[in-house]
Amino acid sequence: MKKILSLLLILMTASTLAFEGVREVTLNDGRTILAADNGLTLYTFDVDSPGQSNCFGGCLTVWPAMTVSTDALVEAPFATHERPDGSLQLMLNDQPLYFFISDQAEGDILGDGLQGVWHIIEL
């Protein structure tokens, strides 16, 4: 799934990342990843179902969902899904997006590959 998502993102240009809440960040090693406007890295979770998060409770404490306001203009390939608490989680190509609690600065990717199921989104 990670390779398919990465391939889809490589095929897109920055201008097609049609959501104002995300941006590209270039890592020290030259790779470009998807991050929130605040520069913090966004992750996908292999255990999620398409269009649905499977991260709850303690998982959300460590991996906070990237949520958006109800009036956010979200266009394909982005979308949202409603979490049980009523918040709207941002998704990319039907994959819910998360932060990692240990990432504190732009370019931090401390959660990449954890437990073999958390992945950065390389562009």
PDB file of N, CA and C in Angstrom:
ATOM      1  N   MET A   1       0.822  -1.184   0.000  1.00  0.00           N
ATOM      2  CA  MET A   1       0.000   0.000   0.000  1.00  0.00           C
ATOM      3  C   MET A   1       0.871   1.256   0.000  1.00  0.00           C
ATOM      4  N   LYS A   2       1.960   1.235   0.781  1.00  0.00           N
ATOM      5  CA  LYS A   2       2.846   2.392   0.842  1.00  0.00           C
ATOM      6  C   LYS A   2       3.409   2.705  -0.541  1.00  0.00           C
ATOM      7  N   LYS A   3       3.813   1.677  -1.296  1.00  0.00           N
ATOM      8  CA  LYS A   3       4.385   1.904  -2.619  1.00  0.00           C
ATOM      9  C   LYS A   3       3.351   2.465  -3.577  1.00  0.00           C
ATOM     10  N   ILE A   4       2.114   1.985  -3.494  1.00  0.00           N
ATOM     11  CA  ILE A   4       1.052   2.495  -4.368  1.00  0.00           C
ATOM     12  C   ILE A   4       0.779   3.954  -4.042  1.00  0.00           C
ATOM     13  N   LEU A   5       0.660   4.276  -2.751  1.00  0.00           N
ATOM     14  CA  LEU A   5       0.417   5.647  -2.337  1.00  0.00           C
ATOM     15  C   LEU A   5       1.553   6.542  -2.780  1.00  0.00           C
ATOM     16  N   SER A   6       2.790   6.102  -2.596  1.00  0.00           N
ATOM     17  CA  SER A   6       3.943   6.898  -3.018  1.00  0.00           C
ATOM     18  C   SER A   6       3.939   7.128  -4.517  1.00  0.00           C
ATOM     19  N   LEU A   7       3.618   6.099  -5.291  1.00  0.00           N
ATOM     20  CA  LEU A   7       3.572   6.242  -6.734  1.00  0.00           C
ATOM     21  C   LEU A   7       2.516   7.247  -7.153  1.00  0.00           C
ATOM     22  N   LEU A   8       1.348   7.188  -6.539  1.00  0.00           N
ATOM     23  CA  LEU A   8       0.290   8.151  -6.862  1.00  0.00           C
ATOM     24  C   LEU A   8       0.740   9.567  -6.557  1.00  0.00           C
ATOM     25  N   LEU A   9       1.439   9.739  -5.456  1.00  0.00           N
ATOM     26  CA  LEU A   9       1.889  11.070  -5.089  1.00  0.00           C
ATOM     27  C   LEU A   9       2.997  11.572  -6.006  1.00  0.00           C
ATOM     28  N   ILE A  10       3.852  10.694  -6.451  1.00  0.00           N
ATOM     29  CA  ILE A  10       4.919  11.092  -7.375  1.00  0.00           C
ATOM     30  C   ILE A  10       4.320  11.600  -8.679  1.00  0.00           C
ATOM     31  N   LEU A  11       3.216  11.001  -9.084  1.00  0.00           N
ATOM     32  CA  LEU A  11       2.573  11.397 -10.328  1.00  0.00           C
ATOM     33  C   LEU A  11       1.883  12.753 -10.227  1.00  0.00           C
ATOM     34  N   MET A  12       1.624  13.201  -9.003  1.00  0.00           N
ATOM     35  CA  MET A  12       0.971  14.486  -8.812  1.00  0.00           C
ATOM     36  C   MET A  12       2.043  15.570  -8.698  1.00  0.00           C
ATOM     37  N   THR A  13       1.692  16.765  -9.083  1.00  0.00           N
ATOM     38  CA  THR A  13       2.594  17.889  -8.869  1.00  0.00           C
ATOM     39  C   THR A  13       2.137  18.644  -7.633  1.00  0.00           C
ATOM     40  N   ALA A  14       2.976  19.539  -7.150  1.00  0.00           N
ATOM     41  CA  ALA A  14       2.624  20.310  -5.961  1.00  0.00           C
ATOM     42  C   ALA A  14       1.318  21.062  -6.153  1.00  0.00           C
ATOM     43  N   SER A  15       1.054  21.524  -7.362  1.00  0.00           N
ATOM     44  CA  SER A  15      -0.166  22.290  -7.602  1.00  0.00           C
ATOM     45  C   SER A  15      -1.421  21.437  -7.481  1.00  0.00           C
ATOM     46  N   THR A  16      -1.283  20.114  -7.569  1.00  0.00           N
ATOM     47  CA  THR A  16      -2.465  19.276  -7.437  1.00  0.00           C
ATOM     48  C   THR A  16      -2.704  18.848  -6.000  1.00  0.00           C
ATOM     49  N   LEU A  17      -1.794  19.191  -5.086  1.00  0.00           N
ATOM     50  CA  LEU A  17      -2.053  18.917  -3.683  1.00  0.00           C
ATOM     51  C   LEU A  17      -3.024  19.982  -3.203  1.00  0.00           C
ATOM     52  N   ALA A  18      -4.297  19.750  -3.513  1.00  0.00           N
ATOM     53  CA  ALA A  18      -5.320  20.771  -3.380  1.00  0.00           C
ATOM     54  C   ALA A  18      -5.935  20.826  -1.985  1.00  0.00           C
ATOM     55  N   PHE A  19      -5.117  21.152  -1.013  1.00  0.00           N
ATOM     56  CA  PHE A  19      -5.639  21.428   0.314  1.00  0.00           C
ATOM     57  C   PHE A  19      -4.680  22.379   0.992  1.00  0.00           C
ATOM     58  N   GLU A  20      -5.202  23.465   1.503  1.00  0.00           N
ATOM     59  CA  GLU A  20      -4.351  24.510   2.065  1.00  0.00           C
ATOM     60  C   GLU A  20      -3.672  24.112   3.377  1.00  0.00           C
ATOM     61  N   GLY A  21      -4.090  23.021   4.010  1.00  0.00           N
ATOM     62  CA  GLY A  21      -3.541  22.626   5.297  1.00  0.00           C
ATOM     63  C   GLY A  21      -2.308  21.749   5.223  1.00  0.00           C
ATOM     64  N   VAL A  22      -1.823  21.447   4.015  1.00  0.00           N
ATOM     65  CA  VAL A  22      -0.642  20.603   3.868  1.00  0.00           C
ATOM     66  C   VAL A  22       0.380  21.278   2.963  1.00  0.00           C
ATOM     67  N   ARG A  23       1.609  20.807   3.094  1.00  0.00           N
ATOM     68  CA  ARG A  23       2.672  21.335   2.228  1.00  0.00           C
ATOM     69  C   ARG A  23       3.781  20.301   2.127  1.00  0.00           C
ATOM     70  N   GLU A  24       4.673  20.539   1.218  1.00  0.00           N
ATOM     71  CA  GLU A  24       5.843  19.681   1.053  1.00  0.00           C
ATOM     72  C   GLU A  24       6.949  20.149   1.985  1.00  0.00           C
ATOM     73  N   VAL A  25       7.705  19.192   2.509  1.00  0.00           N
ATOM     74  CA  VAL A  25       8.890  19.485   3.316  1.00  0.00           C
ATOM     75  C   VAL A  25      10.029  18.657   2.747  1.00  0.00           C
ATOM     76  N   THR A  26      11.161  19.289   2.523  1.00  0.00           N
ATOM     77  CA  THR A  26      12.338  18.581   2.038  1.00  0.00           C
ATOM     78  C   THR A  26      13.202  18.201   3.225  1.00  0.00           C
ATOM     79  N   LEU A  27      13.488  16.903   3.321  1.00  0.00           N
ATOM     80  CA  LEU A  27      14.319  16.389   4.406  1.00  0.00           C
ATOM     81  C   LEU A  27      15.798  16.657   4.120  1.00  0.00           C
ATOM     82  N   ASN A  28      16.622  16.533   5.138  1.00  0.00           N
ATOM     83  CA  ASN A  28      18.071  16.737   4.978  1.00  0.00           C
ATOM     84  C   ASN A  28      18.675  15.796   3.946  1.00  0.00           C
ATOM     85  N   ASP A  29      18.083  14.610   3.762  1.00  0.00           N
ATOM     86  CA  ASP A  29      18.621  13.657   2.788  1.00  0.00           C
ATOM     87  C   ASP A  29      18.100  13.902   1.372  1.00  0.00           C
ATOM     88  N   GLY A  30      17.311  14.969   1.194  1.00  0.00           N
ATOM     89  CA  GLY A  30      16.818  15.340  -0.125  1.00  0.00           C
ATOM     90  C   GLY A  30      15.434  14.823  -0.465  1.00  0.00           C
ATOM     91  N   ARG A  31      14.918  13.880   0.307  1.00  0.00           N
ATOM     92  CA  ARG A  31      13.563  13.386   0.042  1.00  0.00           C
ATOM     93  C   ARG A  31      12.552  14.471   0.378  1.00  0.00           C
ATOM     94  N   THR A  32      11.436  14.448  -0.341  1.00  0.00           N
ATOM     95  CA  THR A  32      10.344  15.381  -0.086  1.00  0.00           C
ATOM     96  C   THR A  32       9.170  14.589   0.472  1.00  0.00           C
ATOM     97  N   ILE A  33       8.596  15.101   1.568  1.00  0.00           N
ATOM     98  CA  ILE A  33       7.488  14.414   2.216  1.00  0.00           C
ATOM     99  C   ILE A  33       6.309  15.366   2.377  1.00  0.00           C
ATOM    100  N   LEU A  34       5.164  14.784   2.709  1.00  0.00           N
ATOM    101  CA  LEU A  34       3.969  15.565   2.976  1.00  0.00           C
ATOM    102  C   LEU A  34       3.914  15.896   4.465  1.00  0.00           C
ATOM    103  N   ALA A  35       3.636  17.156   4.763  1.00  0.00           N
ATOM    104  CA  ALA A  35       3.533  17.619   6.146  1.00  0.00           C
ATOM    105  C   ALA A  35       2.336  18.551   6.258  1.00  0.00           C
ATOM    106  N   ALA A  36       1.954  18.820   7.481  1.00  0.00           N
ATOM    107  CA  ALA A  36       0.920  19.820   7.735  1.00  0.00           C
ATOM    108  C   ALA A  36       1.534  21.202   7.548  1.00  0.00           C
ATOM    109  N   ASP A  37       0.701  22.227   7.507  1.00  0.00           N
ATOM    110  CA  ASP A  37       1.201  23.595   7.366  1.00  0.00           C
ATOM    111  C   ASP A  37       2.210  23.966   8.434  1.00  0.00           C
ATOM    112  N   ASN A  38       2.098  23.358   9.621  1.00  0.00           N
ATOM    113  CA  ASN A  38       3.033  23.665  10.702  1.00  0.00           C
ATOM    114  C   ASN A  38       4.381  22.964  10.515  1.00  0.00           C
ATOM    115  N   GLY A  39       4.525  22.197   9.439  1.00  0.00           N
ATOM    116  CA  GLY A  39       5.782  21.524   9.128  1.00  0.00           C
ATOM    117  C   GLY A  39       5.900  20.132   9.697  1.00  0.00           C
ATOM    118  N   LEU A  40       4.959  19.727  10.560  1.00  0.00           N
ATOM    119  CA  LEU A  40       5.041  18.396  11.155  1.00  0.00           C
ATOM    120  C   LEU A  40       4.627  17.327  10.151  1.00  0.00           C
ATOM    121  N   THR A  41       5.383  16.259  10.156  1.00  0.00           N
ATOM    122  CA  THR A  41       5.218  15.154   9.221  1.00  0.00           C
ATOM    123  C   THR A  41       3.863  14.480   9.381  1.00  0.00           C
ATOM    124  N   LEU A  42       3.287  14.085   8.243  1.00  0.00           N
ATOM    125  CA  LEU A  42       2.048  13.310   8.234  1.00  0.00           C
ATOM    126  C   LEU A  42       2.365  11.852   7.922  1.00  0.00           C
ATOM    127  N   TYR A  43       1.586  10.961   8.518  1.00  0.00           N
ATOM    128  CA  TYR A  43       1.797   9.518   8.413  1.00  0.00           C
ATOM    129  C   TYR A  43       0.511   8.811   7.998  1.00  0.00           C
ATOM    130  N   THR A  44       0.695   7.632   7.401  1.00  0.00           N
ATOM    131  CA  THR A  44      -0.423   6.708   7.177  1.00  0.00           C
ATOM    132  C   THR A  44      -0.209   5.484   8.057  1.00  0.00           C
ATOM    133  N   PHE A  45      -1.299   4.742   8.278  1.00  0.00           N
ATOM    134  CA  PHE A  45      -1.332   3.589   9.177  1.00  0.00           C
ATOM    135  C   PHE A  45      -1.857   2.396   8.388  1.00  0.00           C
ATOM    136  N   ASP A  46      -1.010   1.376   8.193  1.00  0.00           N
ATOM    137  CA  ASP A  46      -1.390   0.217   7.380  1.00  0.00           C
ATOM    138  C   ASP A  46      -2.622  -0.523   7.899  1.00  0.00           C
ATOM    139  N   VAL A  47      -2.958  -0.370   9.175  1.00  0.00           N
ATOM    140  CA  VAL A  47      -4.078  -1.097   9.765  1.00  0.00           C
ATOM    141  C   VAL A  47      -5.421  -0.423   9.456  1.00  0.00           C
ATOM    142  N   ASP A  48      -5.392   0.808   8.953  1.00  0.00           N
ATOM    143  CA  ASP A  48      -6.633   1.488   8.582  1.00  0.00           C
ATOM    144  C   ASP A  48      -7.295   0.790   7.407  1.00  0.00           C
ATOM    145  N   SER A  49      -8.610   0.921   7.346  1.00  0.00           N
ATOM    146  CA  SER A  49      -9.379   0.470   6.190  1.00  0.00           C
ATOM    147  C   SER A  49      -9.535   1.666   5.261  1.00  0.00           C
ATOM    148  N   PRO A  50      -9.720   1.442   3.962  1.00  0.00           N
ATOM    149  CA  PRO A  50      -9.920   2.584   3.067  1.00  0.00           C
ATOM    150  C   PRO A  50     -11.071   3.471   3.559  1.00  0.00           C
ATOM    151  N   GLY A  51     -10.770   4.741   3.747  1.00  0.00           N
ATOM    152  CA  GLY A  51     -11.784   5.695   4.167  1.00  0.00           C
ATOM    153  C   GLY A  51     -12.166   5.621   5.634  1.00  0.00           C
ATOM    154  N   GLN A  52     -11.465   4.825   6.428  1.00  0.00           N
ATOM    155  CA  GLN A  52     -11.842   4.636   7.821  1.00  0.00           C
ATOM    156  C   GLN A  52     -10.605   4.456   8.695  1.00  0.00           C
ATOM    157  N   SER A  53     -10.542   5.191   9.791  1.00  0.00           N
ATOM    158  CA  SER A  53      -9.444   5.056  10.734  1.00  0.00           C
ATOM    159  C   SER A  53      -9.694   3.884  11.675  1.00  0.00           C
ATOM    160  N   ASN A  54      -8.633   3.168  11.997  1.00  0.00           N
ATOM    161  CA  ASN A  54      -8.690   2.113  13.001  1.00  0.00           C
ATOM    162  C   ASN A  54      -7.765   2.443  14.169  1.00  0.00           C
ATOM    163  N   CYS A  55      -7.497   3.721  14.377  1.00  0.00           N
ATOM    164  CA  CYS A  55      -6.652   4.208  15.461  1.00  0.00           C
ATOM    165  C   CYS A  55      -7.550   4.920  16.472  1.00  0.00           C
ATOM    166  N   PHE A  56      -7.672   4.334  17.674  1.00  0.00           N
ATOM    167  CA  PHE A  56      -8.535   4.873  18.726  1.00  0.00           C
ATOM    168  C   PHE A  56      -7.804   4.826  20.052  1.00  0.00           C
ATOM    169  N   GLY A  57      -8.348   5.463  21.069  1.00  0.00           N
ATOM    170  CA  GLY A  57      -7.822   5.384  22.432  1.00  0.00           C
ATOM    171  C   GLY A  57      -6.362   5.742  22.526  1.00  0.00           C
ATOM    172  N   GLY A  58      -5.567   4.804  23.086  1.00  0.00           N
ATOM    173  CA  GLY A  58      -4.142   5.031  23.267  1.00  0.00           C
ATOM    174  C   GLY A  58      -3.410   5.273  21.965  1.00  0.00           C
ATOM    175  N   CYS A  59      -3.874   4.646  20.908  1.00  0.00           N
ATOM    176  CA  CYS A  59      -3.271   4.865  19.586  1.00  0.00           C
ATOM    177  C   CYS A  59      -3.341   6.347  19.224  1.00  0.00           C
ATOM    178  N   LEU A  60      -4.497   6.967  19.444  1.00  0.00           N
ATOM    179  CA  LEU A  60      -4.659   8.386  19.108  1.00  0.00           C
ATOM    180  C   LEU A  60      -3.827   9.294  20.005  1.00  0.00           C
ATOM    181  N   THR A  61      -3.501   8.837  21.194  1.00  0.00           N
ATOM    182  CA  THR A  61      -2.661   9.632  22.072  1.00  0.00           C
ATOM    183  C   THR A  61      -1.259   9.755  21.482  1.00  0.00           C
ATOM    184  N   VAL A  62      -0.764   8.666  20.919  1.00  0.00           N
ATOM    185  CA  VAL A  62       0.576   8.643  20.331  1.00  0.00           C
ATOM    186  C   VAL A  62       0.557   9.118  18.879  1.00  0.00           C
ATOM    187  N   TRP A  63      -0.531   8.848  18.187  1.00  0.00           N
ATOM    188  CA  TRP A  63      -0.670   9.174  16.765  1.00  0.00           C
ATOM    189  C   TRP A  63      -1.912  10.056  16.565  1.00  0.00           C
ATOM    190  N   PRO A  64      -1.845  11.336  16.933  1.00  0.00           N
ATOM    191  CA  PRO A  64      -3.017  12.204  16.787  1.00  0.00           C
ATOM    192  C   PRO A  64      -3.457  12.322  15.324  1.00  0.00           C
ATOM    193  N   ALA A  65      -4.755  12.274  15.136  1.00  0.00           N
ATOM    194  CA  ALA A  65      -5.312  12.432  13.792  1.00  0.00           C
ATOM    195  C   ALA A  65      -5.120  13.869  13.319  1.00  0.00           C
ATOM    196  N   MET A  66      -4.868  14.035  12.030  1.00  0.00           N
ATOM    197  CA  MET A  66      -4.886  15.384  11.465  1.00  0.00           C
ATOM    198  C   MET A  66      -6.335  15.711  11.171  1.00  0.00           C
ATOM    199  N   THR A  67      -6.860  16.653  11.909  1.00  0.00           N
ATOM    200  CA  THR A  67      -8.258  17.033  11.727  1.00  0.00           C
ATOM    201  C   THR A  67      -8.344  18.402  11.075  1.00  0.00           C
ATOM    202  N   VAL A  68      -9.477  18.636  10.446  1.00  0.00           N
ATOM    203  CA  VAL A  68      -9.736  19.907   9.776  1.00  0.00           C
ATOM    204  C   VAL A  68     -11.098  20.411  10.209  1.00  0.00           C
ATOM    205  N   SER A  69     -11.317  21.692  10.022  1.00  0.00           N
ATOM    206  CA  SER A  69     -12.606  22.280  10.376  1.00  0.00           C
ATOM    207  C   SER A  69     -13.661  21.904   9.334  1.00  0.00           C
ATOM    208  N   THR A  70     -14.896  22.016   9.721  1.00  0.00           N
ATOM    209  CA  THR A  70     -15.996  21.654   8.817  1.00  0.00           C
ATOM    210  C   THR A  70     -16.080  22.573   7.607  1.00  0.00           C
ATOM    211  N   ASP A  71     -15.502  23.761   7.699  1.00  0.00           N
ATOM    212  CA  ASP A  71     -15.548  24.678   6.562  1.00  0.00           C
ATOM    213  C   ASP A  71     -14.286  24.636   5.697  1.00  0.00           C
ATOM    214  N   ALA A  72     -13.389  23.696   5.976  1.00  0.00           N
ATOM    215  CA  ALA A  72     -12.166  23.572   5.178  1.00  0.00           C
ATOM    216  C   ALA A  72     -12.505  23.136   3.757  1.00  0.00           C
ATOM    217  N   LEU A  73     -11.867  23.764   2.788  1.00  0.00           N
ATOM    218  CA  LEU A  73     -12.053  23.397   1.382  1.00  0.00           C
ATOM    219  C   LEU A  73     -11.100  22.256   1.065  1.00  0.00           C
ATOM    220  N   VAL A  74     -11.647  21.063   0.952  1.00  0.00           N
ATOM    221  CA  VAL A  74     -10.857  19.860   0.725  1.00  0.00           C
ATOM    222  C   VAL A  74     -11.213  19.305  -0.641  1.00  0.00           C
ATOM    223  N   GLU A  75     -10.220  19.167  -1.498  1.00  0.00           N
ATOM    224  CA  GLU A  75     -10.437  18.670  -2.857  1.00  0.00           C
ATOM    225  C   GLU A  75      -9.585  17.437  -3.103  1.00  0.00           C
ATOM    226  N   ALA A  76     -10.032  16.598  -4.033  1.00  0.00           N
ATOM    227  CA  ALA A  76      -9.310  15.384  -4.411  1.00  0.00           C
ATOM    228  C   ALA A  76      -7.874  15.747  -4.780  1.00  0.00           C
ATOM    229  N   PRO A  77      -6.919  14.947  -4.371  1.00  0.00           N
ATOM    230  CA  PRO A  77      -7.008  13.596  -3.827  1.00  0.00           C
ATOM    231  C   PRO A  77      -7.264  13.540  -2.323  1.00  0.00           C
ATOM    232  N   PHE A  78      -7.531  14.710  -1.697  1.00  0.00           N
ATOM    233  CA  PHE A  78      -7.838  14.746  -0.275  1.00  0.00           C
ATOM    234  C   PHE A  78      -9.332  14.582  -0.056  1.00  0.00           C
ATOM    235  N   ALA A  79      -9.678  14.122   1.122  1.00  0.00           N
ATOM    236  CA  ALA A  79     -11.072  13.999   1.552  1.00  0.00           C
ATOM    237  C   ALA A  79     -11.051  13.972   3.072  1.00  0.00           C
ATOM    238  N   THR A  80     -12.206  13.882   3.673  1.00  0.00           N
ATOM    239  CA  THR A  80     -12.293  13.754   5.128  1.00  0.00           C
ATOM    240  C   THR A  80     -13.220  12.603   5.477  1.00  0.00           C
ATOM    241  N   HIS A  81     -13.069  12.126   6.699  1.00  0.00           N
ATOM    242  CA  HIS A  81     -14.050  11.189   7.248  1.00  0.00           C
ATOM    243  C   HIS A  81     -14.323  11.615   8.680  1.00  0.00           C
ATOM    244  N   GLU A  82     -15.528  11.348   9.132  1.00  0.00           N
ATOM    245  CA  GLU A  82     -15.913  11.743  10.475  1.00  0.00           C
ATOM    246  C   GLU A  82     -15.484  10.695  11.486  1.00  0.00           C
ATOM    247  N   ARG A  83     -14.757  11.147  12.493  1.00  0.00           N
ATOM    248  CA  ARG A  83     -14.319  10.272  13.576  1.00  0.00           C
ATOM    249  C   ARG A  83     -15.465  10.125  14.579  1.00  0.00           C
ATOM    250  N   PRO A  84     -15.407   9.118  15.454  1.00  0.00           N
ATOM    251  CA  PRO A  84     -16.474   8.914  16.433  1.00  0.00           C
ATOM    252  C   PRO A  84     -16.770  10.138  17.313  1.00  0.00           C
ATOM    253  N   ASP A  85     -15.747  11.001  17.541  1.00  0.00           N
ATOM    254  CA  ASP A  85     -15.971  12.192  18.366  1.00  0.00           C
ATOM    255  C   ASP A  85     -16.557  13.354  17.569  1.00  0.00           C
ATOM    256  N   GLY A  86     -16.827  13.132  16.275  1.00  0.00           N
ATOM    257  CA  GLY A  86     -17.408  14.162  15.422  1.00  0.00           C
ATOM    258  C   GLY A  86     -16.394  14.998  14.672  1.00  0.00           C
ATOM    259  N   SER A  87     -15.116  14.864  14.984  1.00  0.00           N
ATOM    260  CA  SER A  87     -14.088  15.626  14.265  1.00  0.00           C
ATOM    261  C   SER A  87     -13.911  15.049  12.864  1.00  0.00           C
ATOM    262  N   LEU A  88     -13.380  15.866  11.968  1.00  0.00           N
ATOM    263  CA  LEU A  88     -13.141  15.447  10.588  1.00  0.00           C
ATOM    264  C   LEU A  88     -11.650  15.199  10.390  1.00  0.00           C
ATOM    265  N   GLN A  89     -11.302  13.956  10.077  1.00  0.00           N
ATOM    266  CA  GLN A  89      -9.910  13.602   9.839  1.00  0.00           C
ATOM    267  C   GLN A  89      -9.608  13.715   8.357  1.00  0.00           C
ATOM    268  N   LEU A  90      -8.478  14.340   8.052  1.00  0.00           N
ATOM    269  CA  LEU A  90      -8.045  14.476   6.671  1.00  0.00           C
ATOM    270  C   LEU A  90      -7.533  13.140   6.155  1.00  0.00           C
ATOM    271  N   MET A  91      -7.861  12.836   4.906  1.00  0.00           N
ATOM    272  CA  MET A  91      -7.381  11.625   4.243  1.00  0.00           C
ATOM    273  C   MET A  91      -6.744  12.014   2.924  1.00  0.00           C
ATOM    274  N   LEU A  92      -5.801  11.211   2.488  1.00  0.00           N
ATOM    275  CA  LEU A  92      -5.194  11.336   1.166  1.00  0.00           C
ATOM    276  C   LEU A  92      -5.383  10.011   0.462  1.00  0.00           C
ATOM    277  N   ASN A  93      -6.027  10.047  -0.687  1.00  0.00           N
ATOM    278  CA  ASN A  93      -6.310   8.816  -1.437  1.00  0.00           C
ATOM    279  C   ASN A  93      -6.924   7.753  -0.535  1.00  0.00           C
ATOM    280  N   ASP A  94      -7.909   8.163   0.265  1.00  0.00           N
ATOM    281  CA  ASP A  94      -8.676   7.275   1.150  1.00  0.00           C
ATOM    282  C   ASP A  94      -7.894   6.753   2.346  1.00  0.00           C
ATOM    283  N   GLN A  95      -6.699   7.303   2.605  1.00  0.00           N
ATOM    284  CA  GLN A  95      -5.889   6.895   3.751  1.00  0.00           C
ATOM    285  C   GLN A  95      -5.907   8.012   4.802  1.00  0.00           C
ATOM    286  N   PRO A  96      -6.434   7.755   6.006  1.00  0.00           N
ATOM    287  CA  PRO A  96      -6.427   8.763   7.062  1.00  0.00           C
ATOM    288  C   PRO A  96      -4.993   9.191   7.403  1.00  0.00           C
ATOM    289  N   LEU A  97      -4.840  10.458   7.779  1.00  0.00           N
ATOM    290  CA  LEU A  97      -3.523  11.030   8.060  1.00  0.00           C
ATOM    291  C   LEU A  97      -3.358  11.332   9.547  1.00  0.00           C
ATOM    292  N   TYR A  98      -2.136  11.125  10.041  1.00  0.00           N
ATOM    293  CA  TYR A  98      -1.815  11.259  11.451  1.00  0.00           C
ATOM    294  C   TYR A  98      -0.494  11.997  11.645  1.00  0.00           C
ATOM    295  N   PHE A  99      -0.311  12.506  12.868  1.00  0.00           N
ATOM    296  CA  PHE A  99       0.964  13.017  13.344  1.00  0.00           C
ATOM    297  C   PHE A  99       1.561  11.964  14.278  1.00  0.00           C
ATOM    298  N   PHE A 100       2.848  12.110  14.629  1.00  0.00           N
ATOM    299  CA  PHE A 100       3.479  11.262  15.631  1.00  0.00           C
ATOM    300  C   PHE A 100       3.891  12.152  16.796  1.00  0.00           C
ATOM    301  N   ILE A 101       3.520  11.771  17.994  1.00  0.00           N
ATOM    302  CA  ILE A 101       3.714  12.611  19.178  1.00  0.00           C
ATOM    303  C   ILE A 101       5.175  12.987  19.413  1.00  0.00           C
ATOM    304  N   SER A 102       6.118  12.151  19.004  1.00  0.00           N
ATOM    305  CA  SER A 102       7.535  12.449  19.238  1.00  0.00           C
ATOM    306  C   SER A 102       8.137  13.404  18.209  1.00  0.00           C
ATOM    307  N   ASP A 103       7.459  13.621  17.094  1.00  0.00           N
ATOM    308  CA  ASP A 103       7.933  14.604  16.115  1.00  0.00           C
ATOM    309  C   ASP A 103       7.647  15.994  16.676  1.00  0.00           C
ATOM    310  N   GLN A 104       8.675  16.793  16.820  1.00  0.00           N
ATOM    311  CA  GLN A 104       8.513  18.125  17.417  1.00  0.00           C
ATOM    312  C   GLN A 104       8.889  19.267  16.481  1.00  0.00           C
ATOM    313  N   ALA A 105       9.628  18.960  15.420  1.00  0.00           N
ATOM    314  CA  ALA A 105      10.107  20.017  14.533  1.00  0.00           C
ATOM    315  C   ALA A 105       9.924  19.604  13.075  1.00  0.00           C
ATOM    316  N   GLU A 106       9.900  20.595  12.216  1.00  0.00           N
ATOM    317  CA  GLU A 106       9.797  20.327  10.784  1.00  0.00           C
ATOM    318  C   GLU A 106      10.892  19.359  10.365  1.00  0.00           C
ATOM    319  N   GLY A 107      10.497  18.349   9.613  1.00  0.00           N
ATOM    320  CA  GLY A 107      11.451  17.371   9.111  1.00  0.00           C
ATOM    321  C   GLY A 107      11.663  16.178  10.019  1.00  0.00           C
ATOM    322  N   ASP A 108      11.127  16.208  11.242  1.00  0.00           N
ATOM    323  CA  ASP A 108      11.224  15.028  12.104  1.00  0.00           C
ATOM    324  C   ASP A 108      10.397  13.904  11.492  1.00  0.00           C
ATOM    325  N   ILE A 109      10.973  12.714  11.426  1.00  0.00           N
ATOM    326  CA  ILE A 109      10.267  11.531  10.900  1.00  0.00           C
ATOM    327  C   ILE A 109      10.493  10.344  11.837  1.00  0.00           C
ATOM    328  N   LEU A 110      10.402  10.609  13.117  1.00  0.00           N
ATOM    329  CA  LEU A 110      10.716   9.593  14.124  1.00  0.00           C
ATOM    330  C   LEU A 110       9.744   8.414  14.114  1.00  0.00           C
ATOM    331  N   GLY A 111       8.571   8.604  13.549  1.00  0.00           N
ATOM    332  CA  GLY A 111       7.591   7.520  13.522  1.00  0.00           C
ATOM    333  C   GLY A 111       7.648   6.654  12.277  1.00  0.00           C
ATOM    334  N   ASP A 112       8.468   7.030  11.312  1.00  0.00           N
ATOM    335  CA  ASP A 112       8.492   6.288  10.054  1.00  0.00           C
ATOM    336  C   ASP A 112       8.955   4.850  10.266  1.00  0.00           C
ATOM    337  N   GLY A 113       8.123   3.908   9.862  1.00  0.00           N
ATOM    338  CA  GLY A 113       8.446   2.495   9.940  1.00  0.00           C
ATOM    339  C   GLY A 113       8.161   1.854  11.287  1.00  0.00           C
ATOM    340  N   LEU A 114       7.680   2.620  12.257  1.00  0.00           N
ATOM    341  CA  LEU A 114       7.417   2.036  13.573  1.00  0.00           C
ATOM    342  C   LEU A 114       6.416   0.895  13.474  1.00  0.00           C
ATOM    343  N   GLN A 115       6.727  -0.171  14.154  1.00  0.00           N
ATOM    344  CA  GLN A 115       5.920  -1.385  14.193  1.00  0.00           C
ATOM    345  C   GLN A 115       5.622  -1.922  12.789  1.00  0.00           C
ATOM    346  N   GLY A 116       6.321  -1.414  11.802  1.00  0.00           N
ATOM    347  CA  GLY A 116       6.137  -1.840  10.423  1.00  0.00           C
ATOM    348  C   GLY A 116       4.844  -1.379   9.788  1.00  0.00           C
ATOM    349  N   VAL A 117       4.087  -0.493  10.472  1.00  0.00           N
ATOM    350  CA  VAL A 117       2.766  -0.106   9.948  1.00  0.00           C
ATOM    351  C   VAL A 117       2.559   1.401   9.820  1.00  0.00           C
ATOM    352  N   TRP A 118       3.506   2.205  10.286  1.00  0.00           N
ATOM    353  CA  TRP A 118       3.383   3.665  10.197  1.00  0.00           C
ATOM    354  C   TRP A 118       4.387   4.174   9.158  1.00  0.00           C
ATOM    355  N   HIS A 119       3.911   5.035   8.250  1.00  0.00           N
ATOM    356  CA  HIS A 119       4.760   5.448   7.133  1.00  0.00           C
ATOM    357  C   HIS A 119       4.610   6.941   6.822  1.00  0.00           C
ATOM    358  N   ILE A 120       5.737   7.568   6.529  1.00  0.00           N
ATOM    359  CA  ILE A 120       5.703   8.925   5.987  1.00  0.00           C
ATOM    360  C   ILE A 120       5.152   8.833   4.564  1.00  0.00           C
ATOM    361  N   ILE A 121       4.823   9.986   4.021  1.00  0.00           N
ATOM    362  CA  ILE A 121       4.301  10.042   2.653  1.00  0.00           C
ATOM    363  C   ILE A 121       5.336  10.756   1.799  1.00  0.00           C
ATOM    364  N   GLU A 122       6.115   9.987   1.072  1.00  0.00           N
ATOM    365  CA  GLU A 122       7.139  10.572   0.212  1.00  0.00           C
ATOM    366  C   GLU A 122       6.499  11.027  -1.089  1.00  0.00           C
ATOM    367  N   LEU A 123       6.908  12.222  -1.518  1.00  0.00           N
ATOM    368  CA  LEU A 123       6.394  12.792  -2.769  1.00  0.00           C
ATOM    369  C   LEU A 123       7.386  12.620  -3.891  1.00  0.00           C
TER     370      LEU A 123
END
